[in-house]
Structure formats: structure tokens, C-alpha cells
Amino acid sequence: MKTMDAIGNHSQEVAHGDRFSFGQNWAHFLNVLNEERIKQAVDSLKARLEIDDLRNKAFLDIGSGSGLFSLAALRLGAKVHSFDYDPESVGCTKELKARYFCNDDNWKIEAGSVLDKAFLRSLGKFDVVYSWGVLHHTGDLWTALENITENVAPHGKLFISLYNDQGGASKRWHTVKKIYNRLPPYLKLSFAVLVCIPMELRSLAIHVVRREPQVYFRNIANYSKDRGMSWWHDKVDWIGGFPFEVSRPEQIFDFYKVRGYTLKILKTSGGLACNEFVFQRND
């Protein structure tokens, strides 16, 4: 798949209801982005990668989305290369560069597809390859997982997160996401709200039964403290995110073990959310 051909297909896929417009959602998120959220993103990178900074390190952000974690890597001293399949996400990342690192040669941003192996090969090796919540939206998860292996330098780290396989529940969510993307634009927000309400009422009811309703509201209020993200924008991303594929932690572990990677950190969701993996490439 040629990258520019793939990018040209993006708008057609969105129009046909085969792909969620992630970039539009990220553009709205940039309206609430502030220094506190940026700091939380920086702190989460430091914690997951077990580092104090990324000085003299090369950082590849695959599916940069809003550009927040590319920005976080820059703040930690890295030389960053960001790319995304969604043109509007590329625009969001460029907007953050214009706000915070205008004319900085250490941040390169472009459109590209993780399914384009020749494109990835042209980028070279990186000390950190980062792709959070992206590869399961490519439409070809296992090819994407394979393609990125060559971008990790010897002893470099691969930080990815992928939707957890919940069997029947995942299949039902696949249907919900497909419906969302086939709706006309003026109905999508209403649909997202209608899907969200029973989810949140169930969560609130569980907390009430446990006699801790305040925990439910506190979790929403403090949502950004984990990675600097937005509760509502992540809900829309979850409800609409399509294509949609899932995997089990042991599948990902086995996949990278035979390709010369050692698992350093694993954070499982225990539910429908993402499992996080940090691998290190062996020499």
C-alpha cells in the first residue's frame, strides 16, 4: 500500500462509514488542552518508559492523533518523528508544534500509513517507538504489529496499547461502532450520548451499591490525571473508533517474544479498555 494512496482513501473511507474520523475528535480535544494535561502526559511517559528524560533519544509516534504525546516526548528532550493516517490528526499535531515548538527541527510531522512497510523502512530506527490505541484501528492489526518491529533500534523500547479481547462483548461493540460510523453526521453525537448513558448509569449503580458514589464522580473529575486525556473525548473515541480489532495479552507477548523482544511492563485492563505493553528489543 503506497502511503499517499492510503491517505487519499481516508476521506472516502470516512464517507462510506468504514472509518471513524479520529482527527475531528482530536481537534475538539485541543480546545481543552492545557499545561496541566501536558504535564500529566509527560509524567505518564516517564512512568511507563521508566526514564527521567529522553535526551539524545529518537522517538517515533505512530498515529500521533492530537499530538499530545509527541509534545510530551519533545518536552522530555527527544527528537520526535510523528505521523498519522488521518489528515486532520496530522493537522492537530502540526497545531501543537505551532503552539509550543514552532520551527523546531527536532519535531518532524507527516502523513503516513503504518501498513506501508516501505514508508516505515524509510524512517529508520528509533530508541522509542510509541503507538497508543492506534494499531487496532488500522483494519489490519497483525500486519501493523509486524511492520513496526523494524523501527525499534537494538535495546530500544516499543510502547503500544491495544484493545482487550472480551469475546462476545467485543463483538457487540464492533456492531455499535459500525452503526455509529454509518449514521449521518447530525445523528452521531446523539447516538454517542444514548450509548454512553446506560454505560455510565451501570457504573454509577455499582458504586452506589458499594456505598461509594463519590468515587464515580471523582474518577470522572480526575480522569485527565492518568495520561492528560479528556473523559468525554475518550468516550467518543471508544464509541466511534472503527475499524476495531482486539487481542489478548498472551497473543501479543508471544508475537513479540519470537521476534526478539522482552516484555518489560504489562498493564492489563481486565475489561474492554486497552492493555498496555512496553517491550525492549534484544540486540
Protein backbone atom coordinates (compact mmCIF):
# COMPACT_ATOMS: atom_id res chain seq x y z
CA MET A 1 0.00 0.00 0.00
CA LYS A 2 1.52 3.30 -1.08
CA THR A 3 1.26 5.87 1.68
CA MET A 4 -0.12 8.71 -0.41
CA ASP A 5 -2.69 6.37 -1.98
CA ALA A 6 -3.72 5.29 1.52
CA ILE A 7 -4.05 8.88 2.72
CA GLY A 8 -6.12 9.70 -0.33
CA ASN A 9 -8.52 6.90 0.59
CA HIS A 10 -9.11 8.23 4.11
CA SER A 11 -11.92 10.68 3.32
CA GLN A 12 -13.63 8.08 1.16
CA GLU A 13 -13.50 5.53 3.98
CA VAL A 14 -14.99 8.04 6.43
CA ALA A 15 -17.72 8.98 3.95
CA HIS A 16 -18.64 5.32 3.45
CA GLY A 17 -18.82 4.71 7.20
CA ASP A 18 -15.81 2.40 7.20
CA ARG A 19 -13.61 4.61 9.40
CA PHE A 20 -14.08 6.93 12.37
CA SER A 21 -12.88 10.50 11.94
CA PHE A 22 -10.37 10.50 14.78
CA GLY A 23 -8.91 13.81 13.70
CA GLN A 24 -12.18 15.68 14.21
CA ASN A 25 -12.40 14.36 17.75
CA TRP A 26 -8.79 15.36 18.46
CA ALA A 27 -9.40 18.84 17.08
CA HIS A 28 -12.11 19.33 19.73
CA PHE A 29 -9.77 17.94 22.40
CA LEU A 30 -7.19 20.62 21.62
CA ASN A 31 -9.70 23.19 22.87
CA VAL A 32 -9.34 21.81 26.41
CA LEU A 33 -5.62 21.04 26.31
CA ASN A 34 -3.67 22.98 28.93
CA GLU A 35 -0.36 22.86 30.78
CA GLU A 36 -1.71 20.54 33.46
CA ARG A 37 -2.76 17.94 30.87
CA ILE A 38 0.60 18.23 29.12
CA LYS A 39 2.42 17.66 32.42
CA GLN A 40 0.29 14.58 33.09
CA ALA A 41 1.17 13.21 29.64
CA VAL A 42 4.87 13.84 30.32
CA ASP A 43 4.64 12.10 33.69
CA SER A 44 2.87 9.09 32.20
CA LEU A 45 5.61 8.66 29.58
CA LYS A 46 8.29 8.83 32.26
CA ALA A 47 6.49 6.25 34.36
CA ARG A 48 5.73 3.74 31.58
CA LEU A 49 9.16 4.00 29.96
CA GLU A 50 10.91 4.07 33.35
CA ILE A 51 13.01 7.08 32.40
CA ASP A 52 13.75 10.57 33.73
CA ASP A 53 14.14 12.15 30.31
CA LEU A 54 14.59 11.33 26.62
CA ARG A 55 17.61 13.47 25.88
CA ASN A 56 19.58 12.24 22.87
CA LYS A 57 16.81 9.74 22.08
CA ALA A 58 14.82 9.35 18.87
CA PHE A 59 11.06 8.95 19.40
CA LEU A 60 8.62 7.68 16.76
CA ASP A 61 4.94 8.47 17.38
CA ILE A 62 2.83 6.16 15.20
CA GLY A 63 -0.68 7.55 14.88
CA SER A 64 0.08 10.80 16.65
CA GLY A 65 -3.60 11.82 16.94
CA SER A 66 -3.80 15.06 18.89
CA GLY A 67 -0.01 15.28 19.02
CA LEU A 68 -0.04 15.37 22.83
CA PHE A 69 2.46 12.56 23.36
CA SER A 70 4.76 13.79 20.64
CA LEU A 71 4.74 17.09 22.51
CA ALA A 72 5.42 15.24 25.78
CA ALA A 73 8.40 13.47 24.22
CA LEU A 74 9.77 16.80 22.97
CA ARG A 75 9.43 18.21 26.46
CA LEU A 76 11.50 15.28 27.70
CA GLY A 77 14.26 16.15 25.25
CA ALA A 78 13.63 13.65 22.44
CA LYS A 79 13.99 14.12 18.71
CA VAL A 80 10.47 13.25 17.50
CA HIS A 81 9.01 11.96 14.26
CA SER A 82 5.20 11.93 14.19
CA PHE A 83 2.90 10.52 11.54
CA ASP A 84 -0.77 9.69 11.20
CA TYR A 85 -3.07 8.22 8.57
CA ASP A 86 -5.80 10.77 9.32
CA PRO A 87 -5.07 14.16 7.67
CA GLU A 88 -6.93 16.02 10.42
CA SER A 89 -4.84 14.28 13.08
CA VAL A 90 -1.73 15.40 11.20
CA GLY A 91 -3.20 18.90 11.32
CA CYS A 92 -3.74 18.64 15.09
CA THR A 93 -0.14 17.55 15.64
CA LYS A 94 1.10 20.44 13.50
CA GLU A 95 -1.09 22.80 15.51
CA LEU A 96 0.62 21.70 18.74
CA LYS A 97 4.01 22.17 17.15
CA ALA A 98 3.00 25.68 16.11
CA ARG A 99 1.86 26.43 19.67
CA TYR A 100 4.81 25.03 21.59
CA PHE A 101 7.78 24.17 19.31
CA CYS A 102 7.38 26.38 16.26
CA ASN A 103 10.24 25.99 13.75
CA ASP A 104 11.92 23.31 15.91
CA ASP A 105 13.86 20.94 13.65
CA ASN A 106 13.66 18.22 16.30
CA TRP A 107 9.98 17.61 15.54
CA LYS A 108 9.05 16.23 12.13
CA ILE A 109 5.39 15.63 11.26
CA GLU A 110 3.92 13.95 8.21
CA ALA A 111 1.08 11.85 6.85
CA GLY A 112 1.76 8.14 6.61
CA SER A 113 0.34 4.66 7.00
CA VAL A 114 1.64 2.02 9.38
CA LEU A 115 0.53 -0.55 6.81
CA ASP A 116 3.04 0.86 4.32
CA LYS A 117 6.16 -1.15 5.04
CA ALA A 118 8.33 0.78 2.60
CA PHE A 119 7.35 4.05 4.27
CA LEU A 120 8.24 2.69 7.72
CA ARG A 121 11.56 1.39 6.45
CA SER A 122 12.38 4.86 5.12
CA LEU A 123 12.02 6.33 8.64
CA GLY A 124 14.88 4.31 10.12
CA LYS A 125 15.42 3.18 13.72
CA PHE A 126 14.22 4.81 16.93
CA ASP A 127 15.08 4.44 20.59
CA VAL A 128 11.37 4.59 21.45
CA VAL A 129 8.52 3.56 19.17
CA TYR A 130 5.18 4.66 20.62
CA SER A 131 1.68 3.81 19.43
CA TRP A 132 -1.09 4.14 22.00
CA GLY A 133 -4.55 2.95 20.98
CA VAL A 134 -3.82 3.11 17.27
CA LEU A 135 -2.88 -0.21 15.69
CA HIS A 136 -6.23 -1.86 16.42
CA HIS A 137 -7.86 0.84 14.25
CA THR A 138 -5.82 0.17 11.10
CA GLY A 139 -8.04 -2.60 9.75
CA ASP A 140 -5.06 -4.99 9.76
CA LEU A 141 -3.74 -5.25 13.31
CA TRP A 142 -1.27 -8.09 12.86
CA THR A 143 0.36 -6.59 9.78
CA ALA A 144 0.74 -3.31 11.68
CA LEU A 145 2.33 -5.12 14.64
CA GLU A 146 4.75 -6.84 12.28
CA ASN A 147 5.63 -3.73 10.31
CA ILE A 148 6.71 -1.65 13.32
CA THR A 149 9.22 -4.21 14.59
CA GLU A 150 11.96 -2.97 12.29
CA ASN A 151 11.67 0.62 13.51
CA VAL A 152 12.85 -0.25 17.00
CA ALA A 153 16.61 0.14 17.48
CA PRO A 154 18.57 -2.61 19.29
CA HIS A 155 17.83 -2.25 23.01
CA GLY A 156 15.12 0.27 22.08
CA LYS A 157 11.64 0.26 23.58
CA LEU A 158 8.28 -0.41 21.96
CA PHE A 159 5.31 1.10 23.84
CA ILE A 160 1.92 0.05 22.49
CA SER A 161 -1.63 -0.28 23.79
CA LEU A 162 -4.29 -2.48 22.25
CA TYR A 163 -7.95 -3.21 22.92
CA ASN A 164 -8.52 -6.21 25.13
CA ASP A 165 -10.40 -9.19 23.65
CA GLN A 166 -13.62 -9.69 25.61
CA GLY A 167 -15.21 -12.25 23.32
CA GLY A 168 -18.92 -11.60 22.85
CA ALA A 169 -18.75 -8.14 24.39
CA SER A 170 -16.11 -7.11 21.84
CA LYS A 171 -18.29 -8.42 19.02
CA ARG A 172 -21.23 -6.35 20.29
CA TRP A 173 -19.06 -3.25 20.45
CA HIS A 174 -17.91 -3.92 16.89
CA THR A 175 -21.58 -3.66 15.87
CA VAL A 176 -22.13 -0.47 17.89
CA LYS A 177 -19.09 1.17 16.31
CA LYS A 178 -20.15 0.14 12.83
CA ILE A 179 -23.61 1.63 13.37
CA TYR A 180 -22.12 4.90 14.66
CA ASN A 181 -19.97 5.33 11.58
CA ARG A 182 -22.83 4.56 9.18
CA LEU A 183 -25.05 7.26 10.70
CA PRO A 184 -25.35 10.72 9.12
CA PRO A 185 -23.14 13.28 10.90
CA TYR A 186 -26.04 15.09 12.59
CA LEU A 187 -27.07 11.89 14.43
CA LYS A 188 -23.68 10.75 15.67
CA LEU A 189 -23.49 12.89 18.79
CA SER A 190 -26.99 11.85 19.89
CA PHE A 191 -26.13 8.21 19.30
CA ALA A 192 -22.93 8.53 21.33
CA VAL A 193 -24.87 10.07 24.22
CA LEU A 194 -27.51 7.32 24.07
CA VAL A 195 -24.83 4.62 24.13
CA CYS A 196 -22.95 6.36 26.91
CA ILE A 197 -25.91 6.85 29.29
CA PRO A 198 -26.57 3.16 30.15
CA MET A 199 -22.82 2.53 30.48
CA GLU A 200 -22.44 5.34 32.98
CA LEU A 201 -25.65 4.55 34.87
CA ARG A 202 -24.43 0.99 35.32
CA SER A 203 -21.07 2.21 36.60
CA LEU A 204 -22.76 4.67 38.96
CA ALA A 205 -25.13 1.96 40.24
CA ILE A 206 -22.19 -0.30 41.04
CA HIS A 207 -20.56 2.48 43.06
CA VAL A 208 -23.85 3.21 44.84
CA VAL A 209 -24.22 -0.46 45.82
CA ARG A 210 -20.69 -0.27 47.20
CA ARG A 211 -21.73 2.88 49.08
CA GLU A 212 -19.13 4.96 47.32
CA PRO A 213 -20.94 7.10 44.69
CA GLN A 214 -18.40 9.86 45.31
CA VAL A 215 -15.73 7.59 43.77
CA TYR A 216 -17.62 7.52 40.46
CA PHE A 217 -17.72 11.32 40.23
CA ARG A 218 -14.15 11.65 41.46
CA ASN A 219 -12.95 9.27 38.74
CA ILE A 220 -14.51 11.48 36.08
CA ALA A 221 -13.18 14.67 37.65
CA ASN A 222 -9.67 13.19 37.89
CA TYR A 223 -9.75 11.37 34.54
CA SER A 224 -7.06 13.51 32.96
CA LYS A 225 -4.56 12.76 35.72
CA ASP A 226 -3.55 9.39 34.24
CA ARG A 227 -2.47 10.48 30.74
CA GLY A 228 -3.75 14.04 30.36
CA MET A 229 -6.66 12.93 28.23
CA SER A 230 -10.33 14.03 28.24
CA TRP A 231 -13.11 11.79 29.62
CA TRP A 232 -15.68 12.80 27.01
CA HIS A 233 -13.36 12.78 24.02
CA ASP A 234 -12.13 9.32 25.00
CA LYS A 235 -15.77 8.16 25.26
CA VAL A 236 -16.48 9.38 21.74
CA ASP A 237 -13.26 7.74 20.54
CA TRP A 238 -14.34 4.46 22.16
CA ILE A 239 -17.92 4.51 20.83
CA GLY A 240 -16.93 5.54 17.31
CA GLY A 241 -13.45 4.05 16.95
CA PHE A 242 -13.55 1.94 13.79
CA PRO A 243 -12.04 -0.24 12.28
CA PHE A 244 -11.93 -2.21 15.51
CA GLU A 245 -9.81 -5.25 16.35
CA VAL A 246 -8.92 -6.84 19.67
CA SER A 247 -6.22 -9.10 21.09
CA ARG A 248 -5.36 -10.99 24.25
CA PRO A 249 -2.24 -10.14 26.29
CA GLU A 250 -0.71 -13.58 25.77
CA GLN A 251 -1.09 -13.23 21.99
CA ILE A 252 0.90 -10.01 21.97
CA PHE A 253 3.51 -11.40 24.36
CA ASP A 254 4.05 -14.49 22.18
CA PHE A 255 4.07 -12.43 18.98
CA TYR A 256 6.95 -10.22 20.11
CA LYS A 257 8.84 -12.88 22.05
CA VAL A 258 9.59 -14.83 18.88
CA ARG A 259 10.69 -11.59 17.22
CA GLY A 260 13.37 -10.90 19.79
CA TYR A 261 11.56 -8.65 22.26
CA THR A 262 11.43 -8.83 26.05
CA LEU A 263 8.32 -7.68 27.91
CA LYS A 264 9.25 -5.02 30.47
CA ILE A 265 5.85 -3.67 31.56
CA LEU A 266 2.32 -5.03 31.17
CA LYS A 267 -0.79 -3.23 32.37
CA THR A 268 -3.97 -5.18 31.66
CA SER A 269 -7.39 -3.54 31.56
CA GLY A 270 -9.36 -6.52 32.85
CA GLY A 271 -12.20 -5.35 30.63
CA LEU A 272 -12.94 -3.60 27.36
CA ALA A 273 -10.22 -0.98 27.62
CA CYS A 274 -6.64 -1.15 26.37
CA ASN A 275 -3.85 -3.43 27.54
CA GLU A 276 -0.53 -1.56 27.68
CA PHE A 277 2.79 -3.17 26.75
CA VAL A 278 6.34 -1.93 26.94
CA PHE A 279 8.79 -4.23 25.17
CA GLN A 280 12.53 -3.94 24.79
CA ARG A 281 14.24 -5.16 21.66
CA ASN A 282 17.12 -7.55 22.24
CA ASP A 283 20.41 -6.98 20.45
